[in-house]
C-alpha atoms as a PDB file:
ATOM      1  CA  MET A   1       5.930  16.880  45.682  1.00  0.00           C
ATOM      2  CA  LYS A   2       5.260  13.167  46.261  1.00  0.00           C
ATOM      3  CA  ASN A   3       2.061  13.332  44.225  1.00  0.00           C
ATOM      4  CA  ASN A   4       3.877  15.139  41.416  1.00  0.00           C
ATOM      5  CA  LYS A   5       6.464  12.343  41.292  1.00  0.00           C
ATOM      6  CA  MET A   6       3.688   9.748  41.073  1.00  0.00           C
ATOM      7  CA  ILE A   7       2.048  11.610  38.190  1.00  0.00           C
ATOM      8  CA  ILE A   8       5.358  11.873  36.334  1.00  0.00           C
ATOM      9  CA  TRP A   9       5.982   8.124  36.903  1.00  0.00           C
ATOM     10  CA  PHE A  10       2.476   7.254  35.649  1.00  0.00           C
ATOM     11  CA  VAL A  11       2.940   9.372  32.512  1.00  0.00           C
ATOM     12  CA  LEU A  12       6.286   7.719  31.806  1.00  0.00           C
ATOM     13  CA  VAL A  13       4.759   4.223  32.157  1.00  0.00           C
ATOM     14  CA  ILE A  14       1.883   5.078  29.803  1.00  0.00           C
ATOM     15  CA  THR A  15       4.331   6.636  27.341  1.00  0.00           C
ATOM     16  CA  VAL A  16       6.307   3.390  27.252  1.00  0.00           C
ATOM     17  CA  ILE A  17       3.356   0.938  27.223  1.00  0.00           C
ATOM     18  CA  ILE A  18       1.282   2.549  24.447  1.00  0.00           C
ATOM     19  CA  PRO A  19       3.993   2.354  21.739  1.00  0.00           C
ATOM     20  CA  VAL A  20       4.830  -1.250  22.747  1.00  0.00           C
ATOM     21  CA  TYR A  21       1.147  -2.249  22.524  1.00  0.00           C
ATOM     22  CA  ALA A  22       0.750  -0.425  19.235  1.00  0.00           C
ATOM     23  CA  GLN A  23       3.673  -2.307  17.779  1.00  0.00           C
ATOM     24  CA  GLN A  24       2.006  -5.667  18.478  1.00  0.00           C
ATOM     25  CA  TYR A  25      -0.160  -5.344  15.382  1.00  0.00           C
ATOM     26  CA  ASP A  26       0.180  -3.753  11.975  1.00  0.00           C
ATOM     27  CA  SER A  27      -1.675  -0.583  11.049  1.00  0.00           C
ATOM     28  CA  GLU A  28      -5.317  -0.983  10.052  1.00  0.00           C
ATOM     29  CA  LYS A  29      -4.412   0.966   6.912  1.00  0.00           C
ATOM     30  CA  ASP A  30      -2.372  -2.018   5.713  1.00  0.00           C
ATOM     31  CA  PHE A  31      -5.530  -4.049   5.080  1.00  0.00           C
ATOM     32  CA  GLU A  32      -8.554  -3.817   2.823  1.00  0.00           C
ATOM     33  CA  ILE A  33     -11.675  -5.273   4.444  1.00  0.00           C
ATOM     34  CA  ASP A  34     -15.276  -6.257   3.791  1.00  0.00           C
ATOM     35  CA  TRP A  35     -18.145  -7.343   6.020  1.00  0.00           C
ATOM     36  CA  ASP A  36     -18.362 -10.990   7.025  1.00  0.00           C
ATOM     37  CA  PRO A  37     -21.874 -12.110   5.968  1.00  0.00           C
ATOM     38  CA  ASP A  38     -21.859 -14.944   8.519  1.00  0.00           C
ATOM     39  CA  VAL A  39     -20.769 -12.979  11.577  1.00  0.00           C
ATOM     40  CA  ASN A  40     -22.526  -9.900  12.926  1.00  0.00           C
ATOM     41  CA  ASP A  41     -20.149  -6.929  12.838  1.00  0.00           C
ATOM     42  CA  GLY A  42     -17.278  -9.214  11.768  1.00  0.00           C
ATOM     43  CA  VAL A  43     -14.926  -8.226   8.953  1.00  0.00           C
ATOM     44  CA  ILE A  44     -12.940 -10.153   6.360  1.00  0.00           C
ATOM     45  CA  ILE A  45      -9.463  -9.152   5.274  1.00  0.00           C
ATOM     46  CA  THR A  46      -9.731  -9.094   1.487  1.00  0.00           C
ATOM     47  CA  LYS A  47      -6.262  -7.775   0.639  1.00  0.00           C
ATOM     48  CA  TYR A  48      -2.986  -6.923   2.316  1.00  0.00           C
ATOM     49  CA  ILE A  49      -1.627  -3.624   0.968  1.00  0.00           C
ATOM     50  CA  GLY A  50       1.128  -3.001   3.491  1.00  0.00           C
ATOM     51  CA  SER A  51       4.868  -3.257   2.932  1.00  0.00           C
ATOM     52  CA  LYS A  52       6.117  -5.027   6.067  1.00  0.00           C
ATOM     53  CA  LYS A  53       7.953  -8.333   5.934  1.00  0.00           C
ATOM     54  CA  GLU A  54       6.685  -9.498   9.318  1.00  0.00           C
ATOM     55  CA  VAL A  55       2.903  -9.176   9.268  1.00  0.00           C
ATOM     56  CA  ARG A  56       0.893  -9.080  12.498  1.00  0.00           C
ATOM     57  CA  ILE A  57      -2.805  -9.069  11.669  1.00  0.00           C
ATOM     58  CA  PRO A  58      -4.808  -6.999  14.195  1.00  0.00           C
ATOM     59  CA  PRO A  59      -7.753  -8.706  15.956  1.00  0.00           C
ATOM     60  CA  LYS A  60      -9.894  -5.640  15.262  1.00  0.00           C
ATOM     61  CA  ILE A  61     -10.095  -3.151  12.401  1.00  0.00           C
ATOM     62  CA  GLN A  62     -12.222  -0.035  12.861  1.00  0.00           C
ATOM     63  CA  ASN A  63     -13.311  -1.595  16.185  1.00  0.00           C
ATOM     64  CA  TYR A  64     -14.816  -4.617  14.412  1.00  0.00           C
ATOM     65  CA  PRO A  65     -13.370  -8.125  14.983  1.00  0.00           C
ATOM     66  CA  VAL A  66     -11.383  -9.639  12.132  1.00  0.00           C
ATOM     67  CA  THR A  67     -13.096 -13.006  11.661  1.00  0.00           C
ATOM     68  CA  ARG A  68     -11.661 -14.292   8.365  1.00  0.00           C
ATOM     69  CA  ILE A  69      -8.683 -14.116   6.047  1.00  0.00           C
ATOM     70  CA  GLY A  70     -10.367 -13.840   2.652  1.00  0.00           C
ATOM     71  CA  LYS A  71      -9.675 -15.665  -0.588  1.00  0.00           C
ATOM     72  CA  GLU A  72      -6.335 -14.668  -2.169  1.00  0.00           C
ATOM     73  CA  ALA A  73      -5.828 -11.952   0.475  1.00  0.00           C
ATOM     74  CA  PHE A  74      -2.024 -12.274   0.431  1.00  0.00           C
ATOM     75  CA  LYS A  75      -1.645 -14.210  -2.815  1.00  0.00           C
ATOM     76  CA  SER A  76       1.709 -13.797  -4.621  1.00  0.00           C
ATOM     77  CA  ASN A  77       3.037 -11.266  -2.113  1.00  0.00           C
ATOM     78  CA  GLN A  78       6.798 -11.699  -2.484  1.00  0.00           C
ATOM     79  CA  ASN A  79       7.721  -9.454   0.440  1.00  0.00           C
ATOM     80  CA  ILE A  80       6.248 -11.054   3.554  1.00  0.00           C
ATOM     81  CA  THR A  81       8.412 -13.481   5.532  1.00  0.00           C
ATOM     82  CA  SER A  82       6.156 -14.221   8.498  1.00  0.00           C
ATOM     83  CA  VAL A  83       2.486 -13.894   9.408  1.00  0.00           C
ATOM     84  CA  THR A  84       0.803 -13.954  12.797  1.00  0.00           C
ATOM     85  CA  ILE A  85      -2.956 -14.576  12.683  1.00  0.00           C
ATOM     86  CA  PRO A  86      -4.930 -13.460  15.778  1.00  0.00           C
ATOM     87  CA  ASP A  87      -7.358 -15.590  17.791  1.00  0.00           C
ATOM     88  CA  SER A  88     -10.326 -13.618  16.416  1.00  0.00           C
ATOM     89  CA  VAL A  89      -9.939 -15.304  13.003  1.00  0.00           C
ATOM     90  CA  THR A  90     -11.984 -18.493  12.469  1.00  0.00           C
ATOM     91  CA  SER A  91     -11.095 -19.417   8.872  1.00  0.00           C
ATOM     92  CA  ILE A  92      -8.416 -18.909   6.237  1.00  0.00           C
ATOM     93  CA  GLY A  93      -9.810 -18.609   2.709  1.00  0.00           C
ATOM     94  CA  ASN A  94      -8.767 -20.481  -0.414  1.00  0.00           C
ATOM     95  CA  GLU A  95      -5.399 -19.456  -1.865  1.00  0.00           C
ATOM     96  CA  ALA A  96      -4.947 -16.895   0.921  1.00  0.00           C
ATOM     97  CA  PHE A  97      -1.137 -17.148   0.902  1.00  0.00           C
ATOM     98  CA  ARG A  98      -0.598 -18.887  -2.428  1.00  0.00           C
ATOM     99  CA  ASN A  99       2.815 -18.280  -3.987  1.00  0.00           C
ATOM    100  CA  CYS A 100       4.100 -16.120  -1.132  1.00  0.00           C
ATOM    101  CA  ARG A 101       7.599 -17.288  -1.963  1.00  0.00           C
ATOM    102  CA  SER A 102       9.428 -15.471   0.846  1.00  0.00           C
ATOM    103  CA  LEU A 103       7.089 -16.716   3.575  1.00  0.00           C
ATOM    104  CA  THR A 104       8.961 -18.864   6.118  1.00  0.00           C
ATOM    105  CA  SER A 105       6.769 -18.828   9.234  1.00  0.00           C
ATOM    106  CA  VAL A 106       3.024 -18.776   9.966  1.00  0.00           C
ATOM    107  CA  ILE A 107       1.478 -18.641  13.433  1.00  0.00           C
ATOM    108  CA  ILE A 108      -2.225 -19.483  13.259  1.00  0.00           C
ATOM    109  CA  GLY A 109      -4.561 -18.228  15.971  1.00  0.00           C
ATOM    110  CA  ASN A 110      -6.363 -20.593  18.324  1.00  0.00           C
ATOM    111  CA  SER A 111      -9.845 -20.020  16.883  1.00  0.00           C
ATOM    112  CA  VAL A 112      -9.243 -21.057  13.258  1.00  0.00           C
ATOM    113  CA  THR A 113     -11.463 -24.028  12.375  1.00  0.00           C
ATOM    114  CA  ARG A 114     -10.859 -24.234   8.623  1.00  0.00           C
ATOM    115  CA  ILE A 115      -7.763 -23.882   6.457  1.00  0.00           C
ATOM    116  CA  GLY A 116      -9.030 -23.595   2.876  1.00  0.00           C
ATOM    117  CA  ASP A 117      -7.871 -25.091  -0.408  1.00  0.00           C
ATOM    118  CA  ILE A 118      -4.418 -24.247  -1.834  1.00  0.00           C
ATOM    119  CA  VAL A 119      -3.803 -21.833   1.065  1.00  0.00           C
ATOM    120  CA  PHE A 120       0.002 -22.182   1.220  1.00  0.00           C
ATOM    121  CA  HIS A 121       0.536 -23.630  -2.256  1.00  0.00           C
ATOM    122  CA  GLY A 122       3.900 -22.570  -3.671  1.00  0.00           C
ATOM    123  CA  CYS A 123       5.258 -21.150  -0.394  1.00  0.00           C
ATOM    124  CA  ASN A 124       8.534 -22.888  -1.138  1.00  0.00           C
ATOM    125  CA  LYS A 125      10.457 -21.343   1.784  1.00  0.00           C
ATOM    126  CA  LEU A 126       7.849 -22.162   4.429  1.00  0.00           C
ATOM    127  CA  THR A 127       9.561 -24.089   7.226  1.00  0.00           C
ATOM    128  CA  ARG A 128       7.327 -23.425  10.216  1.00  0.00           C
ATOM    129  CA  VAL A 129       3.556 -23.578  10.556  1.00  0.00           C
ATOM    130  CA  ASN A 130       1.528 -24.439  13.632  1.00  0.00           C
ATOM    131  CA  ILE A 131      -1.917 -25.979  13.236  1.00  0.00           C
ATOM    132  CA  PRO A 132      -3.854 -25.200  16.447  1.00  0.00           C
ATOM    133  CA  ASN A 133      -6.209 -27.640  18.112  1.00  0.00           C
ATOM    134  CA  SER A 134      -9.201 -25.625  16.891  1.00  0.00           C
ATOM    135  CA  VAL A 135      -8.749 -26.653  13.234  1.00  0.00           C
ATOM    136  CA  ILE A 136     -11.325 -29.163  11.970  1.00  0.00           C
ATOM    137  CA  GLU A 137     -10.731 -29.056   8.226  1.00  0.00           C
ATOM    138  CA  ILE A 138      -7.608 -28.679   6.063  1.00  0.00           C
ATOM    139  CA  GLY A 139      -8.481 -28.145   2.408  1.00  0.00           C
ATOM    140  CA  SER A 140      -7.027 -29.833  -0.657  1.00  0.00           C
ATOM    141  CA  SER A 141      -3.498 -28.917  -1.776  1.00  0.00           C
ATOM    142  CA  SER A 142      -3.144 -26.616   1.247  1.00  0.00           C
ATOM    143  CA  PHE A 143       0.610 -27.202   1.578  1.00  0.00           C
ATOM    144  CA  SER A 144       1.404 -28.300  -1.986  1.00  0.00           C
ATOM    145  CA  TRP A 145       4.800 -27.178  -3.295  1.00  0.00           C
ATOM    146  CA  CYS A 146       5.969 -26.180   0.200  1.00  0.00           C
ATOM    147  CA  GLU A 147       9.382 -27.536  -0.699  1.00  0.00           C
ATOM    148  CA  SER A 148      11.156 -26.480   2.527  1.00  0.00           C
ATOM    149  CA  LEU A 149       8.610 -27.925   4.966  1.00  0.00           C
ATOM    150  CA  VAL A 150      10.320 -30.738   6.916  1.00  0.00           C
ATOM    151  CA  SER A 151       7.698 -31.796   9.458  1.00  0.00           C
ATOM    152  CA  ILE A 152       4.126 -31.024  10.419  1.00  0.00           C
ATOM    153  CA  THR A 153       1.775 -32.052  13.226  1.00  0.00           C
ATOM    154  CA  ILE A 154      -1.937 -32.702  12.738  1.00  0.00           C
ATOM    155  CA  PRO A 155      -3.822 -31.921  15.975  1.00  0.00           C
ATOM    156  CA  GLU A 156      -6.544 -34.107  17.470  1.00  0.00           C
ATOM    157  CA  SER A 157      -9.292 -31.720  16.288  1.00  0.00           C
ATOM    158  CA  VAL A 158      -8.804 -32.331  12.540  1.00  0.00           C
ATOM    159  CA  THR A 159     -11.490 -34.577  11.043  1.00  0.00           C
ATOM    160  CA  ASN A 160     -11.158 -33.786   7.333  1.00  0.00           C
ATOM    161  CA  ILE A 161      -8.018 -33.511   5.192  1.00  0.00           C
ATOM    162  CA  GLY A 162      -8.353 -32.737   1.475  1.00  0.00           C
ATOM    163  CA  GLY A 163      -6.511 -34.455  -1.350  1.00  0.00           C
ATOM    164  CA  ASN A 164      -3.003 -33.634  -2.530  1.00  0.00           C
ATOM    165  CA  ILE A 165      -2.340 -31.816   0.726  1.00  0.00           C
ATOM    166  CA  PHE A 166       1.439 -32.382   0.628  1.00  0.00           C
ATOM    167  CA  TRP A 167       1.942 -32.554  -3.146  1.00  0.00           C
ATOM    168  CA  GLN A 168       5.577 -31.767  -4.051  1.00  0.00           C
ATOM    169  CA  CYS A 169       6.608 -31.237  -0.427  1.00  0.00           C
ATOM    170  CA  THR A 170       9.959 -32.743  -1.330  1.00  0.00           C
ATOM    171  CA  SER A 171      11.675 -32.029   2.026  1.00  0.00           C
ATOM    172  CA  LEU A 172       8.840 -33.381   4.174  1.00  0.00           C
ATOM    173  CA  THR A 173      10.104 -36.335   6.224  1.00  0.00           C
ATOM    174  CA  THR A 174       7.596 -36.552   9.066  1.00  0.00           C
ATOM    175  CA  ILE A 175       3.835 -36.201   9.422  1.00  0.00           C
ATOM    176  CA  ASN A 176       2.778 -36.487  13.055  1.00  0.00           C
ATOM    177  CA  VAL A 177      -0.791 -36.891  14.300  1.00  0.00           C
ATOM    178  CA  ASP A 178      -1.923 -36.206  17.850  1.00  0.00           C
ATOM    179  CA  ILE A 179      -2.748 -39.526  19.515  1.00  0.00           C
ATOM    180  CA  GLY A 180      -6.170 -38.168  20.499  1.00  0.00           C
ATOM    181  CA  ASN A 181      -7.280 -37.708  16.883  1.00  0.00           C
ATOM    182  CA  THR A 182     -10.272 -39.954  16.137  1.00  0.00           C
ATOM    183  CA  VAL A 183      -9.993 -39.923  12.317  1.00  0.00           C
ATOM    184  CA  TYR A 184      -6.250 -39.940  11.488  1.00  0.00           C
ATOM    185  CA  SER A 185      -3.095 -41.519  12.848  1.00  0.00           C
ATOM    186  CA  SER A 186       0.611 -41.671  12.059  1.00  0.00           C
ATOM    187  CA  GLN A 187       3.326 -44.284  12.284  1.00  0.00           C
ATOM    188  CA  ASP A 188       6.979 -43.721  11.442  1.00  0.00           C
ATOM    189  CA  GLY A 189       6.015 -40.280  10.127  1.00  0.00           C
ATOM    190  CA  ILE A 190       3.449 -41.670   7.631  1.00  0.00           C
ATOM    191  CA  LEU A 191      -0.164 -40.444   7.608  1.00  0.00           C
ATOM    192  CA  TYR A 192      -2.940 -43.075   7.852  1.00  0.00           C
ATOM    193  CA  ASN A 193      -6.580 -43.119   8.789  1.00  0.00           C
ATOM    194  CA  LYS A 194      -7.227 -44.023  12.414  1.00  0.00           C
ATOM    195  CA  ASN A 195      -7.509 -47.793  12.042  1.00  0.00           C
ATOM    196  CA  LYS A 196      -4.744 -47.959   9.427  1.00  0.00           C
ATOM    197  CA  THR A 197      -6.865 -49.316   6.592  1.00  0.00           C
ATOM    198  CA  ALA A 198      -6.004 -46.350   4.353  1.00  0.00           C
ATOM    199  CA  LEU A 199      -2.563 -44.910   3.636  1.00  0.00           C
ATOM    200  CA  VAL A 200      -3.165 -41.188   3.175  1.00  0.00           C
ATOM    201  CA  SER A 201       0.304 -39.706   2.654  1.00  0.00           C
ATOM    202  CA  TYR A 202       3.863 -40.999   2.640  1.00  0.00           C
ATOM    203  CA  PRO A 203       6.240 -38.008   3.124  1.00  0.00           C
ATOM    204  CA  ALA A 204       8.052 -37.260  -0.126  1.00  0.00           C
ATOM    205  CA  GLY A 205      11.348 -36.524   1.651  1.00  0.00           C
ATOM    206  CA  LYS A 206      11.370 -39.659   3.779  1.00  0.00           C
ATOM    207  CA  LYS A 207      14.580 -41.652   3.413  1.00  0.00           C
ATOM    208  CA  GLY A 208      14.677 -45.307   2.403  1.00  0.00           C
ATOM    209  CA  SER A 209      14.555 -47.028  -0.966  1.00  0.00           C
ATOM    210  CA  THR A 210      12.116 -49.829  -0.103  1.00  0.00           C
ATOM    211  CA  PHE A 211       8.804 -49.618   1.710  1.00  0.00           C
ATOM    212  CA  THR A 212       6.491 -52.460   2.683  1.00  0.00           C
ATOM    213  CA  ILE A 213       2.886 -51.337   3.013  1.00  0.00           C
ATOM    214  CA  PRO A 214       1.282 -52.680   6.228  1.00  0.00           C
ATOM    215  CA  ASN A 215      -1.021 -55.704   5.889  1.00  0.00           C
ATOM    216  CA  SER A 216      -3.965 -53.755   7.303  1.00  0.00           C
ATOM    217  CA  ILE A 217      -4.096 -51.350   4.336  1.00  0.00           C
ATOM    218  CA  THR A 218      -6.960 -51.761   1.866  1.00  0.00           C
ATOM    219  CA  THR A 219      -6.780 -48.327   0.224  1.00  0.00           C
ATOM    220  CA  ILE A 220      -3.816 -46.356  -1.103  1.00  0.00           C
ATOM    221  CA  GLY A 221      -5.077 -42.782  -1.262  1.00  0.00           C
ATOM    222  CA  ASP A 222      -4.819 -40.242  -4.054  1.00  0.00           C
ATOM    223  CA  SER A 223      -1.237 -38.914  -4.368  1.00  0.00           C
ATOM    224  CA  ALA A 224      -0.232 -41.071  -1.375  1.00  0.00           C
ATOM    225  CA  PHE A 225       3.345 -41.662  -2.635  1.00  0.00           C
ATOM    226  CA  SER A 226       3.582 -38.916  -5.244  1.00  0.00           C
ATOM    227  CA  THR A 227       7.039 -37.327  -5.730  1.00  0.00           C
ATOM    228  CA  CYS A 228       8.726 -39.830  -3.350  1.00  0.00           C
ATOM    229  CA  THR A 229      12.006 -39.825  -5.245  1.00  0.00           C
ATOM    230  CA  SER A 230      13.902 -42.008  -2.739  1.00  0.00           C
ATOM    231  CA  LEU A 231      11.708 -45.042  -3.293  1.00  0.00           C
ATOM    232  CA  THR A 232      12.879 -47.674  -5.743  1.00  0.00           C
ATOM    233  CA  ASN A 233      10.623 -50.509  -4.594  1.00  0.00           C
ATOM    234  CA  VAL A 234       7.199 -50.685  -2.941  1.00  0.00           C
ATOM    235  CA  ILE A 235       5.843 -53.986  -1.625  1.00  0.00           C
ATOM    236  CA  MET A 236       2.070 -54.101  -1.639  1.00  0.00           C
ATOM    237  CA  PRO A 237       0.159 -56.683   0.463  1.00  0.00           C
ATOM    238  CA  ASN A 238      -2.817 -58.753  -0.665  1.00  0.00           C
ATOM    239  CA  SER A 239      -5.076 -56.655   1.548  1.00  0.00           C
ATOM    240  CA  VAL A 240      -4.965 -53.697  -0.902  1.00  0.00           C
ATOM    241  CA  THR A 241      -8.061 -53.387  -3.086  1.00  0.00           C
ATOM    242  CA  SER A 242      -7.706 -49.893  -4.567  1.00  0.00           C
ATOM    243  CA  ILE A 243      -4.906 -47.604  -5.707  1.00  0.00           C
ATOM    244  CA  GLY A 244      -5.844 -43.928  -5.879  1.00  0.00           C
ATOM    245  CA  GLY A 245      -5.259 -41.413  -8.634  1.00  0.00           C
ATOM    246  CA  LEU A 246      -1.690 -40.103  -8.874  1.00  0.00           C
ATOM    247  CA  ALA A 247      -0.837 -42.518  -6.059  1.00  0.00           C
ATOM    248  CA  PHE A 248       2.759 -43.095  -7.270  1.00  0.00           C
ATOM    249  CA  ALA A 249       3.033 -40.239  -9.765  1.00  0.00           C
ATOM    250  CA  TYR A 250       6.463 -38.638 -10.165  1.00  0.00           C
ATOM    251  CA  CYS A 251       8.243 -41.352  -8.158  1.00  0.00           C
ATOM    252  CA  ALA A 252      11.169 -40.901 -10.510  1.00  0.00           C
ATOM    253  CA  ASN A 253      13.318 -43.737  -9.112  1.00  0.00           C
ATOM    254  CA  LEU A 254      10.589 -46.332  -8.630  1.00  0.00           C
ATOM    255  CA  LYS A 255      11.758 -49.403 -10.543  1.00  0.00           C
ATOM    256  CA  SER A 256       9.711 -52.220  -9.109  1.00  0.00           C
ATOM    257  CA  ILE A 257       6.157 -52.617  -7.868  1.00  0.00           C
ATOM    258  CA  THR A 258       3.979 -55.696  -7.603  1.00  0.00           C
ATOM    259  CA  ILE A 259       0.248 -55.153  -7.816  1.00  0.00           C
ATOM    260  CA  PRO A 260      -1.471 -57.986  -5.907  1.00  0.00           C
ATOM    261  CA  SER A 261      -4.479 -59.910  -7.173  1.00  0.00           C
ATOM    262  CA  SER A 262      -6.644 -58.272  -4.498  1.00  0.00           C
ATOM    263  CA  VAL A 263      -6.547 -54.928  -6.367  1.00  0.00           C
ATOM    264  CA  THR A 264      -9.703 -54.166  -8.359  1.00  0.00           C
ATOM    265  CA  SER A 265      -9.316 -50.422  -8.961  1.00  0.00           C
ATOM    266  CA  ILE A 266      -6.402 -48.271 -10.175  1.00  0.00           C
ATOM    267  CA  GLY A 267      -6.981 -44.504 -10.368  1.00  0.00           C
ATOM    268  CA  ASN A 268      -6.073 -42.106 -13.145  1.00  0.00           C
ATOM    269  CA  SER A 269      -2.368 -41.262 -13.550  1.00  0.00           C
ATOM    270  CA  ALA A 270      -1.489 -43.687 -10.745  1.00  0.00           C
ATOM    271  CA  PHE A 271       2.059 -44.236 -12.086  1.00  0.00           C
ATOM    272  CA  ALA A 272       2.426 -41.161 -14.289  1.00  0.00           C
ATOM    273  CA  ASP A 273       6.000 -39.988 -14.797  1.00  0.00           C
ATOM    274  CA  CYS A 274       7.561 -42.921 -12.967  1.00  0.00           C
ATOM    275  CA  THR A 275      10.476 -42.566 -15.348  1.00  0.00           C
ATOM    276  CA  SER A 276      12.475 -45.518 -13.951  1.00  0.00           C
ATOM    277  CA  LEU A 277       9.632 -48.033 -13.949  1.00  0.00           C
ATOM    278  CA  ILE A 278      10.571 -50.895 -16.286  1.00  0.00           C
ATOM    279  CA  SER A 279       7.808 -53.489 -16.050  1.00  0.00           C
ATOM    280  CA  VAL A 280       4.379 -53.907 -14.457  1.00  0.00           C
ATOM    281  CA  THR A 281       1.996 -56.833 -14.150  1.00  0.00           C
ATOM    282  CA  ILE A 282      -1.673 -55.961 -13.777  1.00  0.00           C
ATOM    283  CA  PRO A 283      -3.570 -58.776 -12.005  1.00  0.00           C
ATOM    284  CA  ASN A 284      -6.621 -60.606 -13.312  1.00  0.00           C
ATOM    285  CA  SER A 285      -8.787 -58.830 -10.750  1.00  0.00           C
ATOM    286  CA  VAL A 286      -8.502 -55.523 -12.643  1.00  0.00           C
ATOM    287  CA  ILE A 287     -11.060 -55.133 -15.441  1.00  0.00           C
ATOM    288  CA  SER A 288     -10.690 -51.429 -16.190  1.00  0.00           C
ATOM    289  CA  ILE A 289      -7.608 -49.210 -16.445  1.00  0.00           C
ATOM    290  CA  GLY A 290      -8.069 -45.481 -15.896  1.00  0.00           C
ATOM    291  CA  GLU A 291      -6.667 -42.581 -17.896  1.00  0.00           C
ATOM    292  CA  ALA A 292      -2.955 -41.801 -18.201  1.00  0.00           C
ATOM    293  CA  ILE A 293      -1.921 -44.453 -15.693  1.00  0.00           C
ATOM    294  CA  PHE A 294       1.544 -44.888 -17.240  1.00  0.00           C
ATOM    295  CA  TYR A 295       1.802 -41.462 -18.854  1.00  0.00           C
ATOM    296  CA  GLY A 296       5.450 -40.391 -19.171  1.00  0.00           C
ATOM    297  CA  CYS A 297       6.924 -43.712 -17.988  1.00  0.00           C
ATOM    298  CA  THR A 298       9.839 -43.382 -20.365  1.00  0.00           C
ATOM    299  CA  SER A 299      11.643 -46.584 -19.252  1.00  0.00           C
ATOM    300  CA  LEU A 300       8.600 -48.851 -19.324  1.00  0.00           C
ATOM    301  CA  VAL A 301       9.210 -51.816 -21.643  1.00  0.00           C
ATOM    302  CA  SER A 302       6.701 -54.387 -20.381  1.00  0.00           C
ATOM    303  CA  VAL A 303       3.097 -54.283 -19.171  1.00  0.00           C
ATOM    304  CA  THR A 304       1.405 -57.628 -18.588  1.00  0.00           C
ATOM    305  CA  MET A 305      -2.368 -57.739 -18.282  1.00  0.00           C
ATOM    306  CA  SER A 306      -5.044 -60.395 -18.647  1.00  0.00           C
ATOM    307  CA  ASN A 307      -7.981 -60.660 -21.006  1.00  0.00           C
ATOM    308  CA  ASN A 308     -10.157 -59.531 -18.111  1.00  0.00           C
ATOM    309  CA  VAL A 309      -9.220 -55.924 -18.870  1.00  0.00           C
ATOM    310  CA  THR A 310     -12.109 -54.610 -20.954  1.00  0.00           C
ATOM    311  CA  SER A 311     -11.216 -50.918 -21.154  1.00  0.00           C
ATOM    312  CA  ILE A 312      -8.028 -48.842 -21.187  1.00  0.00           C
ATOM    313  CA  GLY A 313      -8.336 -45.124 -20.529  1.00  0.00           C
ATOM    314  CA  ALA A 314      -7.087 -42.375 -22.806  1.00  0.00           C
ATOM    315  CA  GLY A 315      -3.416 -41.437 -22.611  1.00  0.00           C
ATOM    316  CA  THR A 316      -2.427 -44.556 -20.688  1.00  0.00           C
ATOM    317  CA  PHE A 317       0.812 -45.105 -22.635  1.00  0.00           C
ATOM    318  CA  VAL A 318       1.498 -41.563 -23.880  1.00  0.00           C
ATOM    319  CA  ASP A 319       5.228 -40.731 -23.811  1.00  0.00           C
ATOM    320  CA  CYS A 320       6.200 -44.299 -22.961  1.00  0.00           C
ATOM    321  CA  THR A 321       9.115 -43.890 -25.339  1.00  0.00           C
ATOM    322  CA  SER A 322      10.886 -47.202 -24.713  1.00  0.00           C
ATOM    323  CA  SER A 323       9.965 -50.180 -26.909  1.00  0.00           C
ATOM    324  CA  LEU A 324       6.769 -51.112 -25.126  1.00  0.00           C
END
């Protein structure tokens, strides 16, 4: 009788555990797969065909480890609200979750080393994403148009961040970097390179109308201040030598900026669509002006430049509708 009770108890435990375990991951039938050419017996998820809102990617499909999330695998899926990526996955392909407009939360497994280009572009409800300490590279425009993202932390493992990574992240107020990172750093929620000679990204949702760039900065990166609508004035030190493309683009309330005589290079569309910008003085040190630098600056009435400027790029003053 005692043995019979033990058998019944064991059966009951197994009956309970198996369904709970099975519920940890979604059905293999919810995913289309292909072989991973770089990993023996590894598979790539090429498309999600399930209907669940909360997606839990299994670490194995057909007994083969899932090693990658493929290009555009979840692109434009309007149903999913959260995704959990298992530790078996080592990379997330370009545009994997692009325009998943209901996606609010992503948990990335601890083996992912690369987040591709435009991965979360247009996920405008995304509020929570962890970047594990395994990630080395974050591709360009990975979080662009994530309009609900408020803060993000870059772990110490990341050594390469692509351009335009936080383009149009209008709610982003804080970018934190792990103190152990050897390539990047942060101060007051602003992303710099490690020794603070390059300003990489100023959060578009950061409050404050005036910002003084630190004296150590020599380079203002591409899109560094783009879509920072709170800023009305930026004070640039004499240490700055280059201003990247789109650096201040779409800063709709930017009225005043002084470009110091140390600057020798201004990238394309650097001040495009700064619709409140009234006047700009370009220093004698600048000899060439890139394309569309003041495109769409509808309030611009005065641009002062020296005879040292030998070339002005196409579209520089297009849609400058005030009496320039």
